[in-house]
Amino acid sequence: MKADNCIFFQLAKASQTAIKFMGQKISALNITPVQAMVIGFLAEEDQIMAGELGKKVELDSATLTGILDRLETAQLIERKGNPDDRRSVKIHLTKLGKETGLEAKRLIEEANKEFLADFTENENRELRGLIFKLREKISR
């Protein structure tokens, strides 16, 4: 099979290209693209339970725990016990985390626009629709 005919190869290469592009855009923040996505979500909704955050960012708990460990080491987040449920933990942005989260969110939005700048509005909508359709198929 030729690489050009393998959808899995093409999707993997497209994903690598996108992650590399985003990584370059957020490099000044000294965090990875996945960390930027997580902290960007937290900038939108701070003090969220870890399980709820995992659902929003679509990461399993083991992967999210590692990301949160690194964000905590970088002093961008704090984990605090949930007074309503001692078994759960809430994730809080630190002052530096709030600043970084807002900047990450801004840079990600900017990167989205720049990455898709060569597409027409219709092509952009179609691409997102096709990606959504693929993700829906897998999640069934």
C-alpha atoms as a PDB file:
ATOM      1  CA  MET A   1       0.000   0.000   0.000  1.00  0.00           C
ATOM      2  CA  LYS A   2       1.267   3.450  -0.881  1.00  0.00           C
ATOM      3  CA  ALA A   3       1.292   6.106   1.814  1.00  0.00           C
ATOM      4  CA  ASP A   4      -0.849   8.356  -0.397  1.00  0.00           C
ATOM      5  CA  ASN A   5      -3.625   5.750  -0.313  1.00  0.00           C
ATOM      6  CA  CYS A   6      -3.505   5.036   3.421  1.00  0.00           C
ATOM      7  CA  ILE A   7      -5.932   7.264   5.310  1.00  0.00           C
ATOM      8  CA  PHE A   8      -4.345   6.325   8.638  1.00  0.00           C
ATOM      9  CA  PHE A   9      -0.921   7.443   7.458  1.00  0.00           C
ATOM     10  CA  GLN A  10      -2.357  10.677   6.064  1.00  0.00           C
ATOM     11  CA  LEU A  11      -4.293  11.449   9.249  1.00  0.00           C
ATOM     12  CA  ALA A  12      -1.236  10.718  11.428  1.00  0.00           C
ATOM     13  CA  LYS A  13       0.944  13.019   9.313  1.00  0.00           C
ATOM     14  CA  ALA A  14      -1.724  15.753   9.354  1.00  0.00           C
ATOM     15  CA  SER A  15      -1.924  15.455  13.149  1.00  0.00           C
ATOM     16  CA  GLN A  16       1.869  15.649  13.490  1.00  0.00           C
ATOM     17  CA  THR A  17       1.938  18.738  11.270  1.00  0.00           C
ATOM     18  CA  ALA A  18      -0.795  20.418  13.312  1.00  0.00           C
ATOM     19  CA  ILE A  19       0.830  19.618  16.676  1.00  0.00           C
ATOM     20  CA  LYS A  20       4.219  20.861  15.434  1.00  0.00           C
ATOM     21  CA  PHE A  21       2.613  24.072  14.153  1.00  0.00           C
ATOM     22  CA  MET A  22       0.819  24.674  17.444  1.00  0.00           C
ATOM     23  CA  GLY A  23       3.970  23.824  19.409  1.00  0.00           C
ATOM     24  CA  GLN A  24       5.871  26.526  17.565  1.00  0.00           C
ATOM     25  CA  LYS A  25       3.128  29.062  18.273  1.00  0.00           C
ATOM     26  CA  ILE A  26       3.095  28.392  22.030  1.00  0.00           C
ATOM     27  CA  SER A  27       6.814  27.697  22.492  1.00  0.00           C
ATOM     28  CA  ALA A  28       7.373  30.925  24.451  1.00  0.00           C
ATOM     29  CA  LEU A  29       5.064  29.587  27.184  1.00  0.00           C
ATOM     30  CA  ASN A  30       7.428  26.647  27.866  1.00  0.00           C
ATOM     31  CA  ILE A  31       4.588  24.133  27.873  1.00  0.00           C
ATOM     32  CA  THR A  32       3.582  21.413  25.435  1.00  0.00           C
ATOM     33  CA  PRO A  33       0.608  21.708  23.074  1.00  0.00           C
ATOM     34  CA  VAL A  34      -1.443  19.310  25.218  1.00  0.00           C
ATOM     35  CA  GLN A  35      -0.577  21.251  28.382  1.00  0.00           C
ATOM     36  CA  ALA A  36      -1.583  24.459  26.570  1.00  0.00           C
ATOM     37  CA  MET A  37      -4.943  22.931  25.656  1.00  0.00           C
ATOM     38  CA  VAL A  38      -5.557  21.832  29.259  1.00  0.00           C
ATOM     39  CA  ILE A  39      -4.578  25.170  30.757  1.00  0.00           C
ATOM     40  CA  GLY A  40      -6.608  26.952  28.072  1.00  0.00           C
ATOM     41  CA  PHE A  41      -9.686  24.959  29.125  1.00  0.00           C
ATOM     42  CA  LEU A  42      -8.942  25.864  32.740  1.00  0.00           C
ATOM     43  CA  ALA A  43      -8.727  29.545  31.783  1.00  0.00           C
ATOM     44  CA  GLU A  44     -12.334  29.210  30.589  1.00  0.00           C
ATOM     45  CA  GLU A  45     -13.489  27.281  33.654  1.00  0.00           C
ATOM     46  CA  ASP A  46     -11.231  27.414  36.692  1.00  0.00           C
ATOM     47  CA  GLN A  47     -11.698  25.386  39.876  1.00  0.00           C
ATOM     48  CA  ILE A  48     -13.090  22.361  38.117  1.00  0.00           C
ATOM     49  CA  MET A  49     -12.955  18.782  39.347  1.00  0.00           C
ATOM     50  CA  ALA A  50     -10.231  16.683  37.743  1.00  0.00           C
ATOM     51  CA  GLY A  51     -12.730  14.129  36.392  1.00  0.00           C
ATOM     52  CA  GLU A  52     -14.803  16.852  34.778  1.00  0.00           C
ATOM     53  CA  LEU A  53     -11.667  18.385  33.244  1.00  0.00           C
ATOM     54  CA  GLY A  54     -10.697  14.974  31.843  1.00  0.00           C
ATOM     55  CA  LYS A  55     -14.064  14.719  30.097  1.00  0.00           C
ATOM     56  CA  LYS A  56     -13.748  18.223  28.638  1.00  0.00           C
ATOM     57  CA  VAL A  57     -10.261  17.634  27.239  1.00  0.00           C
ATOM     58  CA  GLU A  58     -11.058  14.008  26.344  1.00  0.00           C
ATOM     59  CA  LEU A  59      -8.074  12.512  28.171  1.00  0.00           C
ATOM     60  CA  ASP A  60      -8.037   9.417  30.344  1.00  0.00           C
ATOM     61  CA  SER A  61      -7.234   9.922  34.015  1.00  0.00           C
ATOM     62  CA  ALA A  62      -3.697   8.507  33.810  1.00  0.00           C
ATOM     63  CA  THR A  63      -2.732  10.864  30.962  1.00  0.00           C
ATOM     64  CA  LEU A  64      -4.404  13.848  32.614  1.00  0.00           C
ATOM     65  CA  THR A  65      -2.690  13.089  35.936  1.00  0.00           C
ATOM     66  CA  GLY A  66       0.736  13.281  34.266  1.00  0.00           C
ATOM     67  CA  ILE A  67      -0.131  16.563  32.587  1.00  0.00           C
ATOM     68  CA  LEU A  68      -1.458  18.008  35.846  1.00  0.00           C
ATOM     69  CA  ASP A  69       1.699  16.854  37.656  1.00  0.00           C
ATOM     70  CA  ARG A  70       3.846  18.820  35.204  1.00  0.00           C
ATOM     71  CA  LEU A  71       1.578  21.885  35.361  1.00  0.00           C
ATOM     72  CA  GLU A  72       1.731  21.748  39.152  1.00  0.00           C
ATOM     73  CA  THR A  73       5.536  21.455  39.102  1.00  0.00           C
ATOM     74  CA  ALA A  74       5.599  24.533  36.837  1.00  0.00           C
ATOM     75  CA  GLN A  75       3.432  26.288  39.471  1.00  0.00           C
ATOM     76  CA  LEU A  76       0.604  26.874  37.010  1.00  0.00           C
ATOM     77  CA  ILE A  77      -2.046  24.900  38.909  1.00  0.00           C
ATOM     78  CA  GLU A  78      -2.829  23.701  42.408  1.00  0.00           C
ATOM     79  CA  ARG A  79      -4.839  20.672  43.386  1.00  0.00           C
ATOM     80  CA  LYS A  80      -7.205  21.268  46.275  1.00  0.00           C
ATOM     81  CA  GLY A  81      -9.564  18.908  48.019  1.00  0.00           C
ATOM     82  CA  ASN A  82     -13.227  19.285  47.203  1.00  0.00           C
ATOM     83  CA  PRO A  83     -15.095  20.204  50.411  1.00  0.00           C
ATOM     84  CA  ASP A  84     -18.279  18.655  48.991  1.00  0.00           C
ATOM     85  CA  ASP A  85     -16.634  15.309  48.158  1.00  0.00           C
ATOM     86  CA  ARG A  86     -13.388  14.307  49.868  1.00  0.00           C
ATOM     87  CA  ARG A  87     -12.701  11.691  47.165  1.00  0.00           C
ATOM     88  CA  SER A  88     -12.417  14.311  44.416  1.00  0.00           C
ATOM     89  CA  VAL A  89      -9.896  17.023  43.712  1.00  0.00           C
ATOM     90  CA  LYS A  90     -10.489  20.457  42.225  1.00  0.00           C
ATOM     91  CA  ILE A  91      -7.945  22.009  39.908  1.00  0.00           C
ATOM     92  CA  HIS A  92      -7.165  25.678  40.563  1.00  0.00           C
ATOM     93  CA  LEU A  93      -5.082  27.959  38.393  1.00  0.00           C
ATOM     94  CA  THR A  94      -2.396  29.925  40.210  1.00  0.00           C
ATOM     95  CA  LYS A  95      -1.886  33.608  39.377  1.00  0.00           C
ATOM     96  CA  LEU A  96       0.816  32.587  36.893  1.00  0.00           C
ATOM     97  CA  GLY A  97      -1.489  29.827  35.611  1.00  0.00           C
ATOM     98  CA  LYS A  98      -4.293  32.318  34.924  1.00  0.00           C
ATOM     99  CA  GLU A  99      -1.932  34.540  32.933  1.00  0.00           C
ATOM    100  CA  THR A 100      -0.471  31.559  31.066  1.00  0.00           C
ATOM    101  CA  GLY A 101      -3.913  30.070  30.436  1.00  0.00           C
ATOM    102  CA  LEU A 102      -5.246  33.274  28.907  1.00  0.00           C
ATOM    103  CA  GLU A 103      -2.151  33.611  26.729  1.00  0.00           C
ATOM    104  CA  ALA A 104      -2.352  29.937  25.704  1.00  0.00           C
ATOM    105  CA  LYS A 105      -5.984  30.395  24.757  1.00  0.00           C
ATOM    106  CA  ARG A 106      -5.144  33.484  22.693  1.00  0.00           C
ATOM    107  CA  LEU A 107      -2.222  31.777  20.950  1.00  0.00           C
ATOM    108  CA  ILE A 108      -4.272  28.647  20.185  1.00  0.00           C
ATOM    109  CA  GLU A 109      -7.052  30.754  18.647  1.00  0.00           C
ATOM    110  CA  GLU A 110      -4.452  32.645  16.600  1.00  0.00           C
ATOM    111  CA  ALA A 111      -2.800  29.375  15.526  1.00  0.00           C
ATOM    112  CA  ASN A 112      -6.191  27.958  14.475  1.00  0.00           C
ATOM    113  CA  LYS A 113      -6.801  30.921  12.179  1.00  0.00           C
ATOM    114  CA  GLU A 114      -3.286  30.873  10.737  1.00  0.00           C
ATOM    115  CA  PHE A 115      -3.206  27.093  10.258  1.00  0.00           C
ATOM    116  CA  LEU A 116      -6.427  27.187   8.230  1.00  0.00           C
ATOM    117  CA  ALA A 117      -5.757  30.486   6.455  1.00  0.00           C
ATOM    118  CA  ASP A 118      -5.348  28.815   3.033  1.00  0.00           C
ATOM    119  CA  PHE A 119      -8.827  27.281   3.253  1.00  0.00           C
ATOM    120  CA  THR A 120     -12.005  29.056   2.221  1.00  0.00           C
ATOM    121  CA  GLU A 121     -14.726  29.373   4.841  1.00  0.00           C
ATOM    122  CA  ASN A 122     -16.608  26.562   3.117  1.00  0.00           C
ATOM    123  CA  GLU A 123     -13.516  24.292   3.029  1.00  0.00           C
ATOM    124  CA  ASN A 124     -12.857  25.043   6.695  1.00  0.00           C
ATOM    125  CA  ARG A 125     -16.429  24.104   7.624  1.00  0.00           C
ATOM    126  CA  GLU A 126     -16.242  20.971   5.450  1.00  0.00           C
ATOM    127  CA  LEU A 127     -12.913  19.870   6.958  1.00  0.00           C
ATOM    128  CA  ARG A 128     -14.196  20.290  10.505  1.00  0.00           C
ATOM    129  CA  GLY A 129     -17.367  18.420   9.580  1.00  0.00           C
ATOM    130  CA  LEU A 130     -15.409  15.504   8.130  1.00  0.00           C
ATOM    131  CA  ILE A 131     -13.125  15.332  11.173  1.00  0.00           C
ATOM    132  CA  PHE A 132     -16.153  15.442  13.471  1.00  0.00           C
ATOM    133  CA  LYS A 133     -17.790  12.672  11.438  1.00  0.00           C
ATOM    134  CA  LEU A 134     -14.662  10.486  11.755  1.00  0.00           C
ATOM    135  CA  ARG A 135     -14.512  11.060  15.508  1.00  0.00           C
ATOM    136  CA  GLU A 136     -18.214  10.231  15.860  1.00  0.00           C
ATOM    137  CA  LYS A 137     -17.729   6.964  13.957  1.00  0.00           C
ATOM    138  CA  ILE A 138     -14.951   5.864  16.295  1.00  0.00           C
ATOM    139  CA  SER A 139     -16.807   6.808  19.472  1.00  0.00           C
ATOM    140  CA  ARG A 140     -19.852   4.637  18.665  1.00  0.00           C
END
